[in-house]
Amino acid sequence: MPKAIAFQTYLRQIGGILILLLLESIGNTHAQYSMGSTGQFLIPTAEMQEEGTFMVGANYLPTATTPAVFYYPTMNYFVDMTLFSLIEVTYRMTLLKSLNAKGKYTYHEQDRSNTVRIRPLKEGQWWPALVIGADDLFTQKATEYWGAYFGAATKSIHTRSGHRIATTLGWYLPRGKQRVFNKGLFGGIAYTPPFCQELKLMAEYDTRGWNAGGAVRLWKHLSIHAFTHEFKSISAGMRYECTLIH
């Protein structure tokens, strides 16, 4: 079996195992999982973590979920901190392939990126929460692979029987002209069942295509997730979260 096919089969198996864990585990989370900040899989939402929340984690990213410069599967790792319940800052490192001293392409370089989120309006009974933010805000122009401003509105519905549905609608305004990753309308929906408040099933449109999957938090601190992009590739990851500032 060719190495590429074997690798893809292996990733599908891992994704399948993670999805089973999501559906069978009892473990409500808000992270924008693949980017390390608050949101769904690849889109931001207007939800925020609790004040003082610290998160650290890593993600596997197939080619379809990254800017054009990443023409190969890669991964990232990140740290995230929510300040004062209305400001959140994320710092990410994404592995880059390039020629090493032996003339072979390896993952020995990294792209540094960041996200800053501010929530000017908290969700109320009759209005949604609003968040504005930026990706790659403090990055050099030559490497603004993720560069964009965004705004998002999220409204959640809680039923008497314990079901929770959150809907998000937002817009990306790209920064820079050479590399455009996120541009235009995005939106998503997340559902949490009453029998498992730590489980979240999600579907979203990320300006380039559709994603669907789930996420679950285990033992109050460890979260895992898996989703498919257009049913053509699988992404997965995990993170650890805790409260550093009370």
C-alpha atoms as a PDB file:
ATOM      1  CA  MET A   1       0.000   0.000   0.000  1.00  0.00           C
ATOM      2  CA  PRO A   2       1.445   3.452  -0.929  1.00  0.00           C
ATOM      3  CA  LYS A   3       2.568   5.531   2.063  1.00  0.00           C
ATOM      4  CA  ALA A   4       0.126   8.389   1.285  1.00  0.00           C
ATOM      5  CA  ILE A   5      -2.880   6.045   1.235  1.00  0.00           C
ATOM      6  CA  ALA A   6      -1.741   4.289   4.400  1.00  0.00           C
ATOM      7  CA  PHE A   7      -1.331   7.639   6.178  1.00  0.00           C
ATOM      8  CA  GLN A   8      -4.829   8.772   5.154  1.00  0.00           C
ATOM      9  CA  THR A   9      -6.304   5.462   6.321  1.00  0.00           C
ATOM     10  CA  TYR A  10      -4.539   5.855   9.662  1.00  0.00           C
ATOM     11  CA  LEU A  11      -5.939   9.372  10.096  1.00  0.00           C
ATOM     12  CA  ARG A  12      -9.472   8.167   9.319  1.00  0.00           C
ATOM     13  CA  GLN A  13      -9.114   5.472  11.960  1.00  0.00           C
ATOM     14  CA  ILE A  14      -7.960   8.004  14.541  1.00  0.00           C
ATOM     15  CA  GLY A  15     -10.838  10.324  13.623  1.00  0.00           C
ATOM     16  CA  GLY A  16     -13.320   7.485  13.962  1.00  0.00           C
ATOM     17  CA  ILE A  17     -11.998   6.572  17.401  1.00  0.00           C
ATOM     18  CA  LEU A  18     -12.223  10.187  18.570  1.00  0.00           C
ATOM     19  CA  ILE A  19     -15.782  10.529  17.318  1.00  0.00           C
ATOM     20  CA  LEU A  20     -16.764   7.398  19.209  1.00  0.00           C
ATOM     21  CA  LEU A  21     -15.208   8.819  22.332  1.00  0.00           C
ATOM     22  CA  LEU A  22     -17.158  12.034  21.848  1.00  0.00           C
ATOM     23  CA  LEU A  23     -20.424  10.172  21.561  1.00  0.00           C
ATOM     24  CA  GLU A  24     -19.837   7.717  24.393  1.00  0.00           C
ATOM     25  CA  SER A  25     -18.106   9.903  26.974  1.00  0.00           C
ATOM     26  CA  ILE A  26     -19.700  12.091  29.582  1.00  0.00           C
ATOM     27  CA  GLY A  27     -17.710  14.983  29.721  1.00  0.00           C
ATOM     28  CA  ASN A  28     -19.782  22.353  27.700  1.00  0.00           C
ATOM     29  CA  THR A  29     -16.933  24.029  26.066  1.00  0.00           C
ATOM     30  CA  HIS A  30     -16.558  27.126  23.905  1.00  0.00           C
ATOM     31  CA  ALA A  31     -13.186  26.892  22.163  1.00  0.00           C
ATOM     32  CA  GLN A  32     -12.547  27.594  18.455  1.00  0.00           C
ATOM     33  CA  TYR A  33     -10.814  24.293  18.494  1.00  0.00           C
ATOM     34  CA  SER A  34      -8.467  24.354  15.497  1.00  0.00           C
ATOM     35  CA  MET A  35      -7.260  27.887  16.267  1.00  0.00           C
ATOM     36  CA  GLY A  36      -7.018  27.569  20.045  1.00  0.00           C
ATOM     37  CA  SER A  37      -9.449  30.400  20.816  1.00  0.00           C
ATOM     38  CA  THR A  38     -13.187  30.603  21.525  1.00  0.00           C
ATOM     39  CA  GLY A  39     -15.565  29.428  18.817  1.00  0.00           C
ATOM     40  CA  GLN A  40     -16.576  26.276  16.968  1.00  0.00           C
ATOM     41  CA  PHE A  41     -14.138  24.287  14.810  1.00  0.00           C
ATOM     42  CA  LEU A  42     -12.837  26.923  12.399  1.00  0.00           C
ATOM     43  CA  ILE A  43     -15.146  29.892  13.064  1.00  0.00           C
ATOM     44  CA  PRO A  44     -15.220  32.290  16.021  1.00  0.00           C
ATOM     45  CA  THR A  45     -18.343  32.765  18.118  1.00  0.00           C
ATOM     46  CA  ALA A  46     -19.358  35.577  20.481  1.00  0.00           C
ATOM     47  CA  GLU A  47     -19.172  33.252  23.499  1.00  0.00           C
ATOM     48  CA  MET A  48     -16.340  33.790  25.963  1.00  0.00           C
ATOM     49  CA  GLN A  49     -14.516  31.637  28.466  1.00  0.00           C
ATOM     50  CA  GLU A  50     -14.840  32.421  32.154  1.00  0.00           C
ATOM     51  CA  GLU A  51     -12.552  35.136  33.470  1.00  0.00           C
ATOM     52  CA  GLY A  52      -9.038  33.862  34.094  1.00  0.00           C
ATOM     53  CA  THR A  53      -9.324  30.741  31.932  1.00  0.00           C
ATOM     54  CA  PHE A  54      -6.029  29.399  30.581  1.00  0.00           C
ATOM     55  CA  MET A  55      -5.910  26.875  27.716  1.00  0.00           C
ATOM     56  CA  VAL A  56      -3.092  24.966  26.046  1.00  0.00           C
ATOM     57  CA  GLY A  57      -3.390  22.335  23.335  1.00  0.00           C
ATOM     58  CA  ALA A  58      -2.545  20.975  19.879  1.00  0.00           C
ATOM     59  CA  ASN A  59      -4.403  20.137  16.657  1.00  0.00           C
ATOM     60  CA  TYR A  60      -3.902  18.085  13.494  1.00  0.00           C
ATOM     61  CA  LEU A  61      -4.818  20.210  10.438  1.00  0.00           C
ATOM     62  CA  PRO A  62      -5.433  18.720   6.982  1.00  0.00           C
ATOM     63  CA  THR A  63      -4.612  20.837   3.940  1.00  0.00           C
ATOM     64  CA  ALA A  64      -8.218  22.013   3.372  1.00  0.00           C
ATOM     65  CA  THR A  65      -8.348  23.729   6.782  1.00  0.00           C
ATOM     66  CA  THR A  66      -5.240  25.911   6.346  1.00  0.00           C
ATOM     67  CA  PRO A  67      -4.063  28.796   4.111  1.00  0.00           C
ATOM     68  CA  ALA A  68      -2.529  28.018   0.713  1.00  0.00           C
ATOM     69  CA  VAL A  69       1.040  28.212   2.018  1.00  0.00           C
ATOM     70  CA  PHE A  70       0.339  24.979   3.909  1.00  0.00           C
ATOM     71  CA  TYR A  71      -0.041  22.707   0.879  1.00  0.00           C
ATOM     72  CA  TYR A  72       0.495  19.671   3.125  1.00  0.00           C
ATOM     73  CA  PRO A  73      -1.062  18.356   6.367  1.00  0.00           C
ATOM     74  CA  THR A  74       0.339  20.052   9.437  1.00  0.00           C
ATOM     75  CA  MET A  75      -0.353  20.688  13.119  1.00  0.00           C
ATOM     76  CA  ASN A  76      -0.366  23.577  15.538  1.00  0.00           C
ATOM     77  CA  TYR A  77      -0.007  24.095  19.267  1.00  0.00           C
ATOM     78  CA  PHE A  78      -1.231  27.075  21.254  1.00  0.00           C
ATOM     79  CA  VAL A  79      -1.732  28.905  24.525  1.00  0.00           C
ATOM     80  CA  ASP A  80      -4.795  31.050  25.259  1.00  0.00           C
ATOM     81  CA  MET A  81      -5.764  33.381  28.105  1.00  0.00           C
ATOM     82  CA  THR A  82      -9.092  35.095  28.826  1.00  0.00           C
ATOM     83  CA  LEU A  83      -8.707  38.381  30.705  1.00  0.00           C
ATOM     84  CA  PHE A  84     -11.498  40.209  32.556  1.00  0.00           C
ATOM     85  CA  SER A  85     -14.171  38.011  30.861  1.00  0.00           C
ATOM     86  CA  LEU A  86     -14.241  40.315  27.814  1.00  0.00           C
ATOM     87  CA  ILE A  87     -10.693  40.116  26.383  1.00  0.00           C
ATOM     88  CA  GLU A  88      -9.062  36.958  25.065  1.00  0.00           C
ATOM     89  CA  VAL A  89      -5.574  36.504  23.568  1.00  0.00           C
ATOM     90  CA  THR A  90      -4.281  33.421  21.720  1.00  0.00           C
ATOM     91  CA  TYR A  91      -0.731  32.618  20.596  1.00  0.00           C
ATOM     92  CA  ARG A  92      -0.187  29.784  18.061  1.00  0.00           C
ATOM     93  CA  MET A  93       2.676  27.994  16.384  1.00  0.00           C
ATOM     94  CA  THR A  94       1.951  26.078  13.147  1.00  0.00           C
ATOM     95  CA  LEU A  95       4.522  23.703  11.675  1.00  0.00           C
ATOM     96  CA  LEU A  96       5.977  24.691   8.286  1.00  0.00           C
ATOM     97  CA  LYS A  97       7.743  22.438   5.799  1.00  0.00           C
ATOM     98  CA  SER A  98      10.985  23.646   4.225  1.00  0.00           C
ATOM     99  CA  LEU A  99      14.315  22.366   3.022  1.00  0.00           C
ATOM    100  CA  ASN A 100      16.743  21.328   5.739  1.00  0.00           C
ATOM    101  CA  ALA A 101      20.527  21.174   5.556  1.00  0.00           C
ATOM    102  CA  LYS A 102      20.330  17.753   3.868  1.00  0.00           C
ATOM    103  CA  GLY A 103      18.050  19.008   1.098  1.00  0.00           C
ATOM    104  CA  LYS A 104      14.915  17.287   2.396  1.00  0.00           C
ATOM    105  CA  TYR A 105      11.554  18.866   3.187  1.00  0.00           C
ATOM    106  CA  THR A 106      10.848  18.561   6.914  1.00  0.00           C
ATOM    107  CA  TYR A 107       8.742  20.285   9.564  1.00  0.00           C
ATOM    108  CA  HIS A 108      11.618  22.230  11.088  1.00  0.00           C
ATOM    109  CA  GLU A 109      10.152  25.751  10.820  1.00  0.00           C
ATOM    110  CA  GLN A 110       7.067  27.316  12.431  1.00  0.00           C
ATOM    111  CA  ASP A 111       4.627  30.088  11.648  1.00  0.00           C
ATOM    112  CA  ARG A 112       3.783  32.331  14.600  1.00  0.00           C
ATOM    113  CA  SER A 113       0.246  33.709  14.684  1.00  0.00           C
ATOM    114  CA  ASN A 114      -2.171  35.197  17.177  1.00  0.00           C
ATOM    115  CA  THR A 115      -5.804  36.073  17.785  1.00  0.00           C
ATOM    116  CA  VAL A 116      -7.246  38.927  19.863  1.00  0.00           C
ATOM    117  CA  ARG A 117     -10.950  38.923  20.781  1.00  0.00           C
ATOM    118  CA  ILE A 118     -12.992  41.625  22.537  1.00  0.00           C
ATOM    119  CA  ARG A 119     -16.631  41.237  23.584  1.00  0.00           C
ATOM    120  CA  PRO A 120     -18.370  44.664  23.686  1.00  0.00           C
ATOM    121  CA  LEU A 121     -21.829  43.159  24.310  1.00  0.00           C
ATOM    122  CA  LYS A 122     -22.776  40.234  26.521  1.00  0.00           C
ATOM    123  CA  GLU A 123     -25.739  38.074  25.563  1.00  0.00           C
ATOM    124  CA  GLY A 124     -29.080  39.077  27.072  1.00  0.00           C
ATOM    125  CA  GLN A 125     -32.589  37.692  27.020  1.00  0.00           C
ATOM    126  CA  TRP A 126     -33.543  39.480  23.805  1.00  0.00           C
ATOM    127  CA  TRP A 127     -30.221  40.178  22.109  1.00  0.00           C
ATOM    128  CA  PRO A 128     -27.131  38.198  21.095  1.00  0.00           C
ATOM    129  CA  ALA A 129     -23.582  38.502  22.349  1.00  0.00           C
ATOM    130  CA  LEU A 130     -21.196  40.393  20.044  1.00  0.00           C
ATOM    131  CA  VAL A 131     -17.466  39.878  19.581  1.00  0.00           C
ATOM    132  CA  ILE A 132     -14.932  41.704  17.405  1.00  0.00           C
ATOM    133  CA  GLY A 133     -11.419  40.480  16.837  1.00  0.00           C
ATOM    134  CA  ALA A 134      -8.436  39.938  14.572  1.00  0.00           C
ATOM    135  CA  ASP A 135      -6.185  37.090  13.493  1.00  0.00           C
ATOM    136  CA  ASP A 136      -2.453  37.713  12.907  1.00  0.00           C
ATOM    137  CA  LEU A 137      -2.819  41.221  14.310  1.00  0.00           C
ATOM    138  CA  PHE A 138       0.817  41.454  15.476  1.00  0.00           C
ATOM    139  CA  THR A 139       2.381  39.415  12.658  1.00  0.00           C
ATOM    140  CA  GLN A 140       4.755  40.704   9.971  1.00  0.00           C
ATOM    141  CA  LYS A 141       2.989  41.478   6.686  1.00  0.00           C
ATOM    142  CA  ALA A 142       5.047  38.892   4.801  1.00  0.00           C
ATOM    143  CA  THR A 143       3.612  36.077   6.935  1.00  0.00           C
ATOM    144  CA  GLU A 144       0.012  37.190   7.522  1.00  0.00           C
ATOM    145  CA  TYR A 145      -1.266  33.807   6.382  1.00  0.00           C
ATOM    146  CA  TRP A 146      -4.331  33.950   8.653  1.00  0.00           C
ATOM    147  CA  GLY A 147      -4.732  37.751   8.600  1.00  0.00           C
ATOM    148  CA  ALA A 148      -8.312  38.963   8.982  1.00  0.00           C
ATOM    149  CA  TYR A 149     -10.624  41.086  11.098  1.00  0.00           C
ATOM    150  CA  PHE A 150     -13.893  39.527  12.162  1.00  0.00           C
ATOM    151  CA  GLY A 151     -17.160  40.197  13.919  1.00  0.00           C
ATOM    152  CA  ALA A 152     -19.550  37.565  15.263  1.00  0.00           C
ATOM    153  CA  ALA A 153     -22.959  37.445  16.957  1.00  0.00           C
ATOM    154  CA  THR A 154     -24.141  34.424  18.971  1.00  0.00           C
ATOM    155  CA  LYS A 155     -27.553  33.719  20.504  1.00  0.00           C
ATOM    156  CA  SER A 156     -28.325  30.657  22.577  1.00  0.00           C
ATOM    157  CA  ILE A 157     -31.632  28.992  23.414  1.00  0.00           C
ATOM    158  CA  HIS A 158     -32.140  26.876  26.546  1.00  0.00           C
ATOM    159  CA  THR A 159     -35.232  24.681  26.714  1.00  0.00           C
ATOM    160  CA  ARG A 160     -36.966  23.610  29.920  1.00  0.00           C
ATOM    161  CA  SER A 161     -35.927  20.041  29.296  1.00  0.00           C
ATOM    162  CA  GLY A 162     -32.242  21.002  29.249  1.00  0.00           C
ATOM    163  CA  HIS A 163     -31.451  21.194  25.524  1.00  0.00           C
ATOM    164  CA  ARG A 164     -29.144  24.029  24.440  1.00  0.00           C
ATOM    165  CA  ILE A 165     -28.824  25.397  20.899  1.00  0.00           C
ATOM    166  CA  ALA A 166     -26.414  28.220  20.030  1.00  0.00           C
ATOM    167  CA  THR A 167     -26.382  29.896  16.614  1.00  0.00           C
ATOM    168  CA  THR A 168     -23.615  32.131  15.292  1.00  0.00           C
ATOM    169  CA  LEU A 169     -23.406  34.489  12.320  1.00  0.00           C
ATOM    170  CA  GLY A 170     -20.380  36.573  11.411  1.00  0.00           C
ATOM    171  CA  TRP A 171     -18.195  38.191   8.784  1.00  0.00           C
ATOM    172  CA  TYR A 172     -14.471  38.038   7.979  1.00  0.00           C
ATOM    173  CA  LEU A 173     -12.699  41.073   6.504  1.00  0.00           C
ATOM    174  CA  PRO A 174      -9.300  39.898   5.172  1.00  0.00           C
ATOM    175  CA  ARG A 175      -6.108  41.805   5.902  1.00  0.00           C
ATOM    176  CA  GLY A 176      -3.566  42.049   3.091  1.00  0.00           C
ATOM    177  CA  LYS A 177      -4.052  41.355  -0.615  1.00  0.00           C
ATOM    178  CA  GLN A 178      -1.574  38.596  -1.424  1.00  0.00           C
ATOM    179  CA  ARG A 179      -2.937  35.868   0.826  1.00  0.00           C
ATOM    180  CA  VAL A 180      -6.670  35.659   1.559  1.00  0.00           C
ATOM    181  CA  PHE A 181      -7.773  32.732   3.732  1.00  0.00           C
ATOM    182  CA  ASN A 182     -10.996  33.815   5.438  1.00  0.00           C
ATOM    183  CA  LYS A 183     -13.269  36.212   3.551  1.00  0.00           C
ATOM    184  CA  GLY A 184     -16.964  36.967   3.879  1.00  0.00           C
ATOM    185  CA  LEU A 185     -19.878  35.312   5.631  1.00  0.00           C
ATOM    186  CA  PHE A 186     -19.576  32.463   8.129  1.00  0.00           C
ATOM    187  CA  GLY A 187     -21.995  30.826  10.523  1.00  0.00           C
ATOM    188  CA  GLY A 188     -22.691  27.782  12.616  1.00  0.00           C
ATOM    189  CA  ILE A 189     -24.907  25.945  15.064  1.00  0.00           C
ATOM    190  CA  ALA A 190     -24.004  24.010  18.205  1.00  0.00           C
ATOM    191  CA  TYR A 191     -26.191  21.611  20.159  1.00  0.00           C
ATOM    192  CA  THR A 192     -25.722  20.323  23.709  1.00  0.00           C
ATOM    193  CA  PRO A 193     -28.051  17.510  24.860  1.00  0.00           C
ATOM    194  CA  PRO A 194     -29.544  17.493  28.371  1.00  0.00           C
ATOM    195  CA  PHE A 195     -28.064  14.098  29.262  1.00  0.00           C
ATOM    196  CA  CYS A 196     -24.464  15.217  28.632  1.00  0.00           C
ATOM    197  CA  GLN A 197     -23.750  18.897  29.270  1.00  0.00           C
ATOM    198  CA  GLU A 198     -20.075  18.496  28.411  1.00  0.00           C
ATOM    199  CA  LEU A 199     -20.836  17.238  24.886  1.00  0.00           C
ATOM    200  CA  LYS A 200     -21.270  19.608  21.953  1.00  0.00           C
ATOM    201  CA  LEU A 201     -22.280  18.625  18.408  1.00  0.00           C
ATOM    202  CA  MET A 202     -21.557  21.281  15.784  1.00  0.00           C
ATOM    203  CA  ALA A 203     -22.008  22.187  12.127  1.00  0.00           C
ATOM    204  CA  GLU A 204     -20.612  25.312  10.475  1.00  0.00           C
ATOM    205  CA  TYR A 205     -19.836  27.121   7.232  1.00  0.00           C
ATOM    206  CA  ASP A 206     -16.336  28.606   7.466  1.00  0.00           C
ATOM    207  CA  THR A 207     -16.410  30.813   4.278  1.00  0.00           C
ATOM    208  CA  ARG A 208     -14.824  27.986   2.235  1.00  0.00           C
ATOM    209  CA  GLY A 209     -16.924  24.921   3.043  1.00  0.00           C
ATOM    210  CA  TRP A 210     -18.885  22.947   5.628  1.00  0.00           C
ATOM    211  CA  ASN A 211     -17.587  21.259   8.769  1.00  0.00           C
ATOM    212  CA  ALA A 212     -19.396  18.867  11.112  1.00  0.00           C
ATOM    213  CA  GLY A 213     -18.340  16.968  14.216  1.00  0.00           C
ATOM    214  CA  GLY A 214     -18.264  17.076  17.985  1.00  0.00           C
ATOM    215  CA  ALA A 215     -16.298  17.989  21.084  1.00  0.00           C
ATOM    216  CA  VAL A 216     -16.399  16.844  24.686  1.00  0.00           C
ATOM    217  CA  ARG A 217     -14.749  17.871  27.955  1.00  0.00           C
ATOM    218  CA  LEU A 218     -13.524  15.084  30.238  1.00  0.00           C
ATOM    219  CA  TRP A 219     -12.612  15.277  33.927  1.00  0.00           C
ATOM    220  CA  LYS A 220     -13.409  19.042  33.940  1.00  0.00           C
ATOM    221  CA  HIS A 221     -10.104  20.020  32.285  1.00  0.00           C
ATOM    222  CA  LEU A 222      -9.299  17.909  29.197  1.00  0.00           C
ATOM    223  CA  SER A 223     -11.212  18.491  25.946  1.00  0.00           C
ATOM    224  CA  ILE A 224     -11.011  16.503  22.712  1.00  0.00           C
ATOM    225  CA  HIS A 225     -12.656  17.165  19.360  1.00  0.00           C
ATOM    226  CA  ALA A 226     -12.934  15.756  15.841  1.00  0.00           C
ATOM    227  CA  PHE A 227     -14.631  17.063  12.709  1.00  0.00           C
ATOM    228  CA  THR A 228     -14.767  16.501   8.980  1.00  0.00           C
ATOM    229  CA  HIS A 229     -14.312  19.208   6.363  1.00  0.00           C
ATOM    230  CA  GLU A 230     -16.723  18.633   3.462  1.00  0.00           C
ATOM    231  CA  PHE A 231     -16.551  14.909   4.332  1.00  0.00           C
ATOM    232  CA  LYS A 232     -13.170  14.799   2.571  1.00  0.00           C
ATOM    233  CA  SER A 233     -10.726  15.079   5.470  1.00  0.00           C
ATOM    234  CA  ILE A 234     -10.670  14.727   9.239  1.00  0.00           C
ATOM    235  CA  SER A 235      -9.177  17.127  11.780  1.00  0.00           C
ATOM    236  CA  ALA A 236      -8.778  16.397  15.468  1.00  0.00           C
ATOM    237  CA  GLY A 237      -7.108  17.773  18.565  1.00  0.00           C
ATOM    238  CA  MET A 238      -7.129  18.212  22.306  1.00  0.00           C
ATOM    239  CA  ARG A 239      -6.580  20.889  24.916  1.00  0.00           C
ATOM    240  CA  TYR A 240      -6.174  21.321  28.654  1.00  0.00           C
ATOM    241  CA  GLU A 241      -7.921  24.174  30.423  1.00  0.00           C
ATOM    242  CA  CYS A 242      -7.894  25.554  33.960  1.00  0.00           C
ATOM    243  CA  THR A 243      -8.561  28.773  35.881  1.00  0.00           C
ATOM    244  CA  LEU A 244      -5.410  30.713  36.765  1.00  0.00           C
ATOM    245  CA  ILE A 245      -7.012  33.967  37.908  1.00  0.00           C
ATOM    246  CA  HIS A 246     -10.106  34.072  40.141  1.00  0.00           C
END
